């Protein structure tokens, strides 16, 4: 007799959007939900420096830049949220 494997339904981006806001950061990897911890302070310092450089370059060339929270949707089942501090 073969063993049966439990089947977990994949979570889509639409499912994630319908979830109530609880202050945690979530990402989807192949339809599986992961709670993502906040970055360490040094990451925030570096991220702010990079954001300043990108913002200046974008302004100089008529573009724009954004900071988190913003979802980057790779597919219905792969959604990530980069974290940059707001200046």
Protein backbone atom coordinates (compact mmCIF):
# COMPACT_ATOMS: atom_id res chain seq x y z
CA UNK A 1 0.00 0.00 0.00
CA UNK A 2 1.40 3.40 -0.95
CA UNK A 3 1.33 6.34 1.41
CA UNK A 4 -0.76 9.37 0.57
CA UNK A 5 0.69 12.84 0.51
CA UNK A 6 -1.27 15.75 1.96
CA UNK A 7 -2.22 18.27 -0.70
CA UNK A 8 -2.05 21.96 0.14
CA UNK A 9 -3.87 24.28 -2.21
CA UNK A 10 -1.70 26.93 -3.84
CA UNK A 11 -2.33 30.48 -2.69
CA UNK A 12 -2.66 33.06 -5.47
CA UNK A 13 -1.92 36.78 -5.40
CA UNK A 14 -5.69 37.41 -5.46
CA UNK A 15 -6.05 35.21 -2.33
CA UNK A 16 -3.28 37.17 -0.61
CA UNK A 17 -4.89 40.51 -1.49
CA UNK A 18 -8.16 39.39 0.15
CA UNK A 19 -6.43 38.51 3.44
CA UNK A 20 -6.89 41.03 6.27
CA UNK A 21 -3.94 43.33 6.99
CA UNK A 22 -2.07 42.20 10.09
CA UNK A 23 1.15 44.23 9.83
CA UNK A 24 3.32 41.31 8.68
CA UNK A 25 5.13 41.06 5.36
CA UNK A 26 4.16 38.15 3.15
CA UNK A 27 5.68 36.77 -0.04
CA UNK A 28 4.49 34.02 -2.35
CA UNK A 29 6.87 31.43 -3.73
CA UNK A 30 5.19 29.02 -6.12
CA UNK A 31 1.87 29.52 -4.34
CA UNK A 32 3.24 29.00 -0.84
CA UNK A 33 2.96 31.87 1.67
CA UNK A 34 6.02 32.92 3.66
CA UNK A 35 6.15 35.49 6.46
CA UNK A 36 9.23 37.62 5.85
CA UNK A 37 11.07 39.26 8.76
CA UNK A 38 11.97 42.92 8.65
CA UNK A 39 15.54 43.66 7.55
CA UNK A 40 18.33 44.46 9.98
CA UNK A 41 19.21 48.15 10.49
CA UNK A 42 22.33 48.00 8.28
CA UNK A 43 20.15 46.79 5.40
CA UNK A 44 17.94 49.84 5.89
CA UNK A 45 20.97 52.19 5.79
CA UNK A 46 22.23 50.64 2.55
CA UNK A 47 18.74 50.56 1.03
CA UNK A 48 18.27 54.27 1.73
CA UNK A 49 21.60 55.10 0.07
CA UNK A 50 20.66 53.06 -3.02
CA UNK A 51 17.20 54.69 -3.11
CA UNK A 52 18.80 58.17 -3.06
CA UNK A 53 21.06 57.26 -5.99
CA UNK A 54 18.19 55.78 -8.01
CA UNK A 55 15.93 58.74 -7.25
CA UNK A 56 18.55 61.23 -8.41
CA UNK A 57 19.22 59.30 -11.61
CA UNK A 58 15.51 58.94 -12.32
CA UNK A 59 14.91 62.67 -11.89
CA UNK A 60 17.87 63.55 -14.11
CA UNK A 61 16.45 61.41 -16.93
CA UNK A 62 12.75 62.23 -16.58
CA UNK A 63 11.84 59.02 -14.80
CA UNK A 64 10.57 58.20 -11.36
CA UNK A 65 11.36 55.85 -8.52
CA UNK A 66 9.20 54.22 -5.89
CA UNK A 67 9.82 52.74 -2.46
CA UNK A 68 8.03 49.97 -0.60
CA UNK A 69 5.47 48.83 0.04
CA UNK A 70 4.96 47.69 -3.54
CA UNK A 71 4.25 44.18 -4.76
CA UNK A 72 6.27 42.80 -7.63
CA UNK A 73 4.06 40.23 -9.32
CA UNK A 74 6.05 37.65 -11.27
CA UNK A 75 3.03 35.34 -11.69
CA UNK A 76 -0.26 34.59 -9.94
CA UNK A 77 1.71 32.43 -7.51
CA UNK A 78 5.02 34.35 -7.17
CA UNK A 79 4.78 37.78 -5.52
CA UNK A 80 7.59 39.56 -3.66
CA UNK A 81 7.78 42.87 -1.85
CA UNK A 82 11.12 44.68 -1.77
CA UNK A 83 11.67 46.71 1.35
CA UNK A 84 13.21 50.16 1.15
CA UNK A 85 12.75 52.75 3.87
CA UNK A 86 10.71 55.83 3.09
CA UNK A 87 12.85 58.94 3.18
